[in-house]
N, C-alpha and C. Protein backbone atom coordinates (compact mmCIF):
# COMPACT_ATOMS: atom_id res chain seq x y z
N MET A 1 -95.46 68.22 179.54
CA MET A 1 -95.12 68.24 177.85
C MET A 1 -96.84 68.62 177.86
N SER A 2 -96.99 69.97 177.00
CA SER A 2 -98.51 70.02 176.45
C SER A 2 -98.97 69.43 175.37
N ARG A 3 -100.02 69.37 175.47
CA ARG A 3 -100.67 68.61 174.26
C ARG A 3 -100.26 69.32 172.66
N THR A 4 -99.88 70.57 172.73
CA THR A 4 -99.16 71.06 171.44
C THR A 4 -97.86 70.55 171.43
N SER A 5 -97.09 70.46 172.51
CA SER A 5 -95.66 69.79 172.32
C SER A 5 -95.76 68.43 172.00
N LEU A 6 -96.62 67.63 172.49
CA LEU A 6 -96.65 66.40 172.07
C LEU A 6 -96.78 66.09 170.76
N LEU A 7 -97.95 67.20 170.03
CA LEU A 7 -98.20 66.96 168.76
C LEU A 7 -97.18 67.42 167.87
N SER A 8 -96.24 68.17 168.29
CA SER A 8 -95.31 68.61 167.03
C SER A 8 -94.25 67.62 167.18
N PHE A 9 -94.32 66.87 168.61
CA PHE A 9 -93.05 65.65 168.48
C PHE A 9 -93.56 64.56 167.47
N MET A 10 -95.02 64.13 167.64
CA MET A 10 -95.72 63.23 166.68
C MET A 10 -95.83 63.09 165.30
N GLY A 11 -95.65 64.84 165.18
CA GLY A 11 -96.10 65.45 163.64
C GLY A 11 -97.08 64.72 162.99
N GLU A 12 -97.20 63.94 161.86
CA GLU A 12 -98.54 63.62 161.13
C GLU A 12 -99.22 62.32 162.01
N ILE A 13 -98.78 61.98 163.04
CA ILE A 13 -99.57 61.08 163.67
C ILE A 13 -100.42 61.52 164.42
N GLU A 14 -100.45 62.81 164.96
CA GLU A 14 -101.26 63.49 165.96
C GLU A 14 -102.64 63.19 165.61
N ARG A 15 -102.91 62.97 164.12
CA ARG A 15 -104.21 62.97 163.82
C ARG A 15 -104.88 61.65 164.17
N ARG A 16 -104.16 60.66 164.39
CA ARG A 16 -104.36 59.43 164.88
C ARG A 16 -104.52 59.16 166.09
N ALA A 17 -103.77 60.04 166.81
CA ALA A 17 -103.84 59.60 168.06
C ALA A 17 -105.11 59.69 168.82
N GLU A 18 -105.36 59.13 170.17
CA GLU A 18 -106.61 59.08 170.71
C GLU A 18 -106.54 59.46 172.29
N ASN A 19 -107.50 59.75 172.99
CA ASN A 19 -107.19 59.91 174.32
C ASN A 19 -106.13 60.48 175.05
N PHE A 20 -106.08 61.73 174.40
CA PHE A 20 -104.91 62.49 174.89
C PHE A 20 -105.00 62.59 176.46
N PHE A 21 -103.81 62.32 177.09
CA PHE A 21 -103.59 62.58 178.49
C PHE A 21 -104.38 61.90 179.25
N HIS A 22 -104.81 60.72 179.08
CA HIS A 22 -105.46 59.90 179.81
C HIS A 22 -104.78 59.38 181.30
N PRO A 23 -105.26 59.52 182.22
CA PRO A 23 -104.80 59.40 183.51
C PRO A 23 -104.31 57.86 183.75
N PHE A 24 -103.50 57.40 184.18
CA PHE A 24 -102.94 56.04 184.24
C PHE A 24 -103.70 55.20 185.20
N ASP A 25 -103.71 56.22 186.64
CA ASP A 25 -104.65 55.81 187.83
C ASP A 25 -105.93 55.13 187.30
N GLY A 26 -106.71 55.79 186.63
CA GLY A 26 -108.11 55.68 186.12
C GLY A 26 -108.21 54.64 185.03
N ILE A 27 -107.39 53.95 184.62
CA ILE A 27 -107.64 52.94 183.50
C ILE A 27 -108.55 51.93 183.50
N ASP A 28 -108.67 51.82 184.99
CA ASP A 28 -110.06 50.71 185.07
C ASP A 28 -111.40 51.08 184.75
N ASP A 29 -111.34 52.68 185.07
CA ASP A 29 -112.78 53.21 184.86
C ASP A 29 -112.86 53.36 183.21
N ASP A 30 -111.72 53.68 182.57
CA ASP A 30 -111.86 54.08 181.08
C ASP A 30 -111.85 52.83 180.19
N TRP A 31 -111.74 51.60 180.94
CA TRP A 31 -111.32 50.16 180.47
C TRP A 31 -112.12 50.22 178.76
N GLU A 32 -113.40 50.47 178.82
CA GLU A 32 -114.35 50.24 177.70
C GLU A 32 -113.97 51.60 176.56
N ASP A 33 -113.35 52.40 177.08
CA ASP A 33 -112.84 53.81 176.18
C ASP A 33 -111.74 53.33 175.47
N LEU A 34 -110.81 52.38 176.03
CA LEU A 34 -109.72 52.31 175.23
C LEU A 34 -109.88 51.52 173.99
N PRO A 35 -108.99 51.76 173.02
CA PRO A 35 -108.72 51.17 171.67
C PRO A 35 -108.32 49.51 172.21
N SER A 36 -109.15 48.57 171.36
CA SER A 36 -109.07 46.94 171.76
C SER A 36 -107.71 46.78 170.68
N GLY A 37 -107.64 47.47 169.60
CA GLY A 37 -106.85 46.85 168.55
C GLY A 37 -105.54 47.29 168.42
N PRO A 38 -104.69 46.97 167.29
CA PRO A 38 -103.26 47.14 167.44
C PRO A 38 -102.91 48.59 167.49
N GLY A 39 -101.82 48.98 167.97
CA GLY A 39 -101.19 50.18 167.77
C GLY A 39 -100.00 50.46 168.80
N GLY A 40 -99.90 51.79 169.15
CA GLY A 40 -98.69 52.24 170.17
C GLY A 40 -99.35 52.92 170.98
N TYR A 41 -98.59 53.38 172.17
CA TYR A 41 -98.92 54.08 173.01
C TYR A 41 -97.45 54.96 173.68
N ILE A 42 -97.74 55.85 174.54
CA ILE A 42 -96.81 56.45 175.16
C ILE A 42 -97.03 56.94 176.67
N LEU A 43 -96.42 56.78 177.47
CA LEU A 43 -96.43 56.70 178.84
C LEU A 43 -95.50 58.09 179.29
N LEU A 44 -96.31 58.92 179.88
CA LEU A 44 -95.30 60.37 180.49
C LEU A 44 -95.75 60.55 181.57
N ALA A 45 -95.11 61.17 182.62
CA ALA A 45 -95.62 61.81 183.89
C ALA A 45 -96.30 62.82 183.67
N SER A 46 -97.27 62.78 184.62
CA SER A 46 -98.37 63.66 184.84
C SER A 46 -98.32 64.98 185.41
N ASP A 47 -97.33 64.87 186.36
CA ASP A 47 -96.86 65.95 187.08
C ASP A 47 -95.81 66.83 186.35
N ARG A 48 -95.17 67.62 187.04
CA ARG A 48 -94.04 68.48 186.26
C ARG A 48 -93.01 67.61 186.22
N THR A 49 -92.78 66.19 186.18
CA THR A 49 -91.80 65.43 186.35
C THR A 49 -91.21 65.80 184.88
N THR A 50 -89.70 65.57 184.58
CA THR A 50 -89.19 65.47 183.30
C THR A 50 -87.76 64.46 183.49
N TRP A 51 -87.51 64.22 182.57
CA TRP A 51 -86.10 63.44 182.68
C TRP A 51 -85.04 64.13 181.56
N PRO A 52 -83.97 64.14 181.93
CA PRO A 52 -82.78 64.90 181.31
C PRO A 52 -82.70 63.86 180.19
N TYR A 53 -82.60 64.50 178.85
CA TYR A 53 -81.94 63.55 177.60
C TYR A 53 -80.99 64.62 177.04
N PRO A 54 -80.06 64.00 176.24
CA PRO A 54 -79.00 64.91 175.82
C PRO A 54 -79.50 66.13 175.04
N TRP A 55 -80.47 66.28 174.35
CA TRP A 55 -80.85 67.44 173.75
C TRP A 55 -82.21 67.91 174.39
N GLY A 56 -82.63 67.92 175.46
CA GLY A 56 -83.54 68.57 176.14
C GLY A 56 -84.25 67.47 177.58
N ARG A 57 -85.41 68.14 177.82
CA ARG A 57 -86.08 67.43 178.92
C ARG A 57 -87.36 66.77 178.36
N SER A 58 -88.02 65.81 178.81
CA SER A 58 -89.33 65.46 178.32
C SER A 58 -89.77 64.50 179.43
N PRO A 59 -91.25 64.59 179.57
CA PRO A 59 -92.08 63.77 180.55
C PRO A 59 -92.08 62.44 179.75
N ILE A 60 -91.79 62.08 179.14
CA ILE A 60 -91.95 60.83 178.28
C ILE A 60 -90.97 59.88 178.76
N PHE A 61 -91.48 58.52 179.42
CA PHE A 61 -90.69 57.69 179.75
C PHE A 61 -90.56 56.43 179.28
N TYR A 62 -91.88 56.19 178.40
CA TYR A 62 -91.78 54.79 177.63
C TYR A 62 -92.58 54.93 176.40
N ILE A 63 -92.16 54.59 175.37
CA ILE A 63 -93.02 54.20 174.17
C ILE A 63 -92.95 52.85 173.78
N GLY A 64 -94.37 52.36 173.50
CA GLY A 64 -94.38 50.89 173.30
C GLY A 64 -95.55 50.53 172.13
N LYS A 65 -95.58 49.31 172.03
CA LYS A 65 -96.63 48.80 170.87
C LYS A 65 -97.28 47.59 171.36
N ALA A 66 -98.42 47.46 170.89
CA ALA A 66 -99.31 45.96 171.08
C ALA A 66 -100.39 45.77 169.95
N SER A 67 -100.33 44.56 170.13
CA SER A 67 -101.39 43.93 169.22
C SER A 67 -102.97 44.44 169.65
N ARG A 68 -102.87 44.45 170.98
CA ARG A 68 -104.24 44.96 171.77
C ARG A 68 -103.92 46.12 172.69
N ILE A 69 -103.83 47.49 172.20
CA ILE A 69 -103.49 48.23 172.92
C ILE A 69 -103.99 48.37 174.69
N ARG A 70 -105.30 48.07 174.68
CA ARG A 70 -106.07 48.04 175.86
C ARG A 70 -105.37 47.06 176.66
N ASN A 71 -105.19 45.74 176.00
CA ASN A 71 -104.81 44.51 177.23
C ASN A 71 -103.39 44.89 177.63
N ARG A 72 -102.18 45.68 176.71
CA ARG A 72 -101.04 45.80 177.13
C ARG A 72 -101.14 47.05 178.08
N LEU A 73 -102.00 48.31 178.04
CA LEU A 73 -101.99 49.29 179.06
C LEU A 73 -102.29 48.43 180.28
N TRP A 74 -103.34 47.87 180.25
CA TRP A 74 -103.76 46.96 181.68
C TRP A 74 -102.44 46.25 182.21
N ASP A 75 -101.72 45.75 181.33
CA ASP A 75 -100.45 44.92 182.11
C ASP A 75 -99.40 45.67 182.45
N HIS A 76 -99.34 47.05 181.90
CA HIS A 76 -98.52 47.93 182.66
C HIS A 76 -99.22 48.55 183.83
N TRP A 77 -100.37 48.68 183.76
CA TRP A 77 -101.02 49.26 185.05
C TRP A 77 -101.04 48.17 186.18
N ASP A 78 -101.11 46.91 185.67
CA ASP A 78 -101.08 45.86 186.89
C ASP A 78 -99.51 45.66 187.19
N GLY A 79 -98.42 45.82 186.40
CA GLY A 79 -97.13 45.71 186.68
C GLY A 79 -96.82 46.75 187.93
N ALA A 80 -97.34 48.08 187.44
CA ALA A 80 -97.01 49.30 188.20
C ALA A 80 -97.79 48.98 189.70
N ARG A 81 -98.86 48.38 189.73
CA ARG A 81 -99.58 48.40 191.04
C ARG A 81 -98.96 47.32 191.72
N HIS A 82 -98.11 46.32 191.40
CA HIS A 82 -97.30 45.15 191.94
C HIS A 82 -96.07 45.91 192.36
N ALA A 83 -95.27 46.66 191.52
CA ALA A 83 -94.12 47.14 191.66
C ALA A 83 -94.37 48.40 192.84
N LYS A 84 -95.43 48.81 192.85
CA LYS A 84 -95.76 49.88 194.10
C LYS A 84 -96.07 48.98 195.25
N ASN A 85 -96.51 47.85 195.30
CA ASN A 85 -96.98 47.15 196.38
C ASN A 85 -96.02 46.09 196.94
N SER A 86 -94.77 46.10 196.33
CA SER A 86 -94.05 44.91 196.70
C SER A 86 -92.91 45.41 197.58
N ASP A 87 -91.96 44.59 198.11
CA ASP A 87 -90.88 45.13 198.71
C ASP A 87 -89.68 45.91 197.88
N ARG A 88 -89.13 46.78 198.45
CA ARG A 88 -88.12 47.80 197.47
C ARG A 88 -87.31 46.87 196.88
N TYR A 89 -86.94 45.71 197.16
CA TYR A 89 -85.87 44.56 196.42
C TYR A 89 -86.73 43.77 195.32
N GLY A 90 -87.89 44.03 195.04
CA GLY A 90 -88.67 43.21 193.88
C GLY A 90 -88.38 43.62 192.71
N LEU A 91 -88.01 42.74 191.71
CA LEU A 91 -87.46 43.03 190.41
C LEU A 91 -88.91 43.14 189.42
N HIS A 92 -88.81 44.15 188.86
CA HIS A 92 -89.99 44.71 187.94
C HIS A 92 -89.55 45.40 186.48
N TYR A 93 -90.18 45.30 185.48
CA TYR A 93 -89.61 46.09 184.08
C TYR A 93 -89.56 47.67 184.88
N ALA A 94 -88.56 48.01 184.09
CA ALA A 94 -88.45 49.50 184.53
C ALA A 94 -89.42 50.50 184.27
N VAL A 95 -90.22 50.29 183.38
CA VAL A 95 -91.66 50.84 182.92
C VAL A 95 -92.52 50.95 184.05
N ASN A 96 -92.56 49.74 184.75
CA ASN A 96 -93.47 49.61 185.56
C ASN A 96 -93.28 50.30 186.79
N HIS A 97 -91.69 50.27 187.20
CA HIS A 97 -91.28 50.99 188.34
C HIS A 97 -91.64 52.68 188.05
N TYR A 98 -91.43 53.14 186.85
CA TYR A 98 -91.58 54.54 186.44
C TYR A 98 -93.05 54.89 186.86
N ALA A 99 -93.99 53.97 186.19
CA ALA A 99 -95.16 54.28 186.46
C ALA A 99 -95.96 54.07 187.90
N ALA A 100 -95.15 53.42 188.56
CA ALA A 100 -95.42 53.43 190.04
C ALA A 100 -95.30 54.50 191.13
N GLU A 101 -93.94 54.70 190.55
CA GLU A 101 -93.57 56.32 191.19
C GLU A 101 -93.95 57.54 190.89
N PHE A 102 -94.68 57.45 189.72
CA PHE A 102 -94.74 58.81 189.32
C PHE A 102 -96.05 58.95 188.79
N PRO A 103 -97.02 59.77 188.98
CA PRO A 103 -98.48 60.13 188.44
C PRO A 103 -98.02 59.99 186.88
N THR A 104 -98.80 59.18 186.38
CA THR A 104 -98.60 58.90 184.90
C THR A 104 -99.95 58.97 184.13
N ARG A 105 -99.78 59.40 182.91
CA ARG A 105 -100.66 59.71 182.08
C ARG A 105 -100.54 58.77 180.37
N PHE A 106 -101.33 58.67 179.77
CA PHE A 106 -100.95 58.05 178.41
C PHE A 106 -101.83 58.73 177.06
N VAL A 107 -100.94 58.25 175.86
CA VAL A 107 -101.70 58.58 174.87
C VAL A 107 -101.75 57.28 174.15
N THR A 108 -102.68 57.04 173.53
CA THR A 108 -102.92 55.86 172.35
C THR A 108 -103.01 56.35 170.99
N ILE A 109 -102.24 55.37 170.15
CA ILE A 109 -102.31 55.79 168.53
C ILE A 109 -102.57 54.38 168.14
N PRO A 110 -103.76 54.33 167.52
CA PRO A 110 -103.92 52.95 166.71
C PRO A 110 -103.61 53.22 165.55
N THR A 111 -103.26 51.83 164.86
CA THR A 111 -102.51 51.71 163.47
C THR A 111 -103.40 52.05 162.60
N TRP A 112 -103.01 52.32 161.31
CA TRP A 112 -103.90 52.29 160.41
C TRP A 112 -103.29 52.29 158.69
N GLN A 113 -104.05 51.89 157.91
CA GLN A 113 -103.85 51.60 156.58
C GLN A 113 -102.48 50.62 156.38
N ARG A 114 -103.09 49.26 157.15
CA ARG A 114 -101.90 48.20 157.02
C ARG A 114 -100.83 48.43 157.76
N MET A 115 -100.43 49.37 158.61
CA MET A 115 -99.37 49.57 159.18
C MET A 115 -99.21 48.43 160.40
N THR A 116 -97.99 48.25 160.88
CA THR A 116 -97.92 47.27 161.92
C THR A 116 -97.77 48.32 163.20
N PRO A 117 -98.07 47.52 164.40
CA PRO A 117 -97.52 48.07 165.61
C PRO A 117 -95.90 48.31 165.70
N ASP A 118 -95.14 47.19 165.19
CA ASP A 118 -93.84 47.43 165.15
C ASP A 118 -93.42 48.68 164.21
N ALA A 119 -94.08 49.00 163.32
CA ALA A 119 -93.72 50.24 162.41
C ALA A 119 -94.07 51.18 162.94
N LEU A 120 -95.23 51.28 163.47
CA LEU A 120 -95.71 52.68 164.33
C LEU A 120 -94.54 53.00 165.70
N GLU A 121 -94.16 51.80 166.19
CA GLU A 121 -93.23 52.01 167.36
C GLU A 121 -92.04 52.44 166.68
N GLU A 122 -91.62 51.91 165.83
CA GLU A 122 -90.19 52.58 165.14
C GLU A 122 -90.33 53.83 164.71
N GLU A 123 -91.48 54.44 164.22
CA GLU A 123 -91.61 55.73 163.98
C GLU A 123 -91.57 56.71 165.27
N LEU A 124 -92.48 56.37 166.23
CA LEU A 124 -92.41 57.23 167.46
C LEU A 124 -91.20 57.07 168.04
N MET A 125 -90.32 55.77 168.09
CA MET A 125 -88.99 55.89 168.73
C MET A 125 -87.99 56.67 168.09
N GLY A 126 -88.30 56.64 166.41
CA GLY A 126 -87.22 57.67 165.80
C GLY A 126 -87.57 59.00 165.93
N ARG A 127 -88.87 59.43 165.95
CA ARG A 127 -89.16 60.89 166.36
C ARG A 127 -88.58 61.30 167.44
N PHE A 128 -88.60 60.42 168.64
CA PHE A 128 -88.10 60.76 170.03
C PHE A 128 -86.71 60.74 170.16
N VAL A 129 -85.92 59.88 169.32
CA VAL A 129 -84.47 59.99 169.32
C VAL A 129 -84.13 61.21 168.74
N ASN A 130 -84.72 61.36 167.40
CA ASN A 130 -84.22 62.39 166.76
C ASN A 130 -84.39 63.91 167.27
N ARG A 131 -85.44 64.02 168.35
CA ARG A 131 -85.73 64.87 168.87
C ARG A 131 -85.00 65.42 170.32
N TYR A 132 -84.89 64.30 171.20
CA TYR A 132 -84.11 64.28 172.44
C TYR A 132 -82.89 63.60 172.39
N GLY A 133 -82.17 63.12 171.45
CA GLY A 133 -80.90 62.17 171.45
C GLY A 133 -80.62 60.81 172.29
N ALA A 134 -81.83 60.38 172.56
CA ALA A 134 -81.74 59.09 173.28
C ALA A 134 -83.18 58.34 173.38
N ARG A 135 -83.32 57.20 173.72
CA ARG A 135 -84.36 56.64 174.08
C ARG A 135 -84.95 56.97 175.41
N PRO A 136 -86.28 56.78 175.49
CA PRO A 136 -87.02 57.22 176.38
C PRO A 136 -86.37 56.12 177.81
N VAL A 137 -86.10 56.81 178.91
CA VAL A 137 -85.66 56.23 180.19
C VAL A 137 -85.97 54.68 180.39
N ALA A 138 -87.25 54.32 180.14
CA ALA A 138 -87.66 53.15 180.41
C ALA A 138 -87.46 52.16 179.21
N ASN A 139 -87.46 52.71 178.23
CA ASN A 139 -87.19 51.88 177.01
C ASN A 139 -85.70 51.10 176.96
N ASN A 140 -84.86 51.42 177.81
CA ASN A 140 -83.45 50.90 177.87
C ASN A 140 -83.37 49.20 177.76
N GLN A 141 -84.57 48.58 178.06
CA GLN A 141 -84.30 47.21 178.22
C GLN A 141 -84.99 46.60 176.80
N THR A 142 -85.40 47.61 175.95
CA THR A 142 -85.89 46.93 174.91
C THR A 142 -84.92 47.05 173.59
N ARG A 143 -84.97 46.26 172.47
CA ARG A 143 -84.32 46.18 171.53
C ARG A 143 -84.64 47.32 170.62
N TRP A 144 -83.71 48.05 170.02
CA TRP A 144 -84.29 49.16 168.80
C TRP A 144 -82.97 49.24 168.04
N ASN A 145 -83.29 49.19 166.76
CA ASN A 145 -82.36 49.14 165.75
C ASN A 145 -82.03 50.43 165.07
N ARG A 146 -82.78 51.51 165.33
CA ARG A 146 -82.71 52.82 164.55
C ARG A 146 -81.46 53.71 164.82
N ALA A 147 -81.12 53.44 166.09
CA ALA A 147 -80.31 54.35 167.02
C ALA A 147 -78.94 54.45 166.36
């Protein structure tokens, strides 16, 4: 997904998005540059991998929220590391398996003007569902009310 495609998917949110296409593998190198406050984030494949959705294909496999984006991304990175290094029968969250199996990048979107991380995630998820007809593949373990 190009930056332009992602921006058109995100609509007005693009003005708030930071760190476009940050590599997930280098998260420890970029730790200090990551937003430490509340917001949302999108995890997507950084190679040419895409997943089929009812209304198109997308490299996005997870949309999340956090009260501390930096810490939540670290949790996913650490979970992916454990999923990659454990035996094949280990149980991990789907998002961690996807991040372990595919070269991953991410985008962070800090909240603004009293917006909560929940509201931002709802907006991002709603835009994704409206565009692709389903939730991202690794979000199937989460509850979402707008479908």
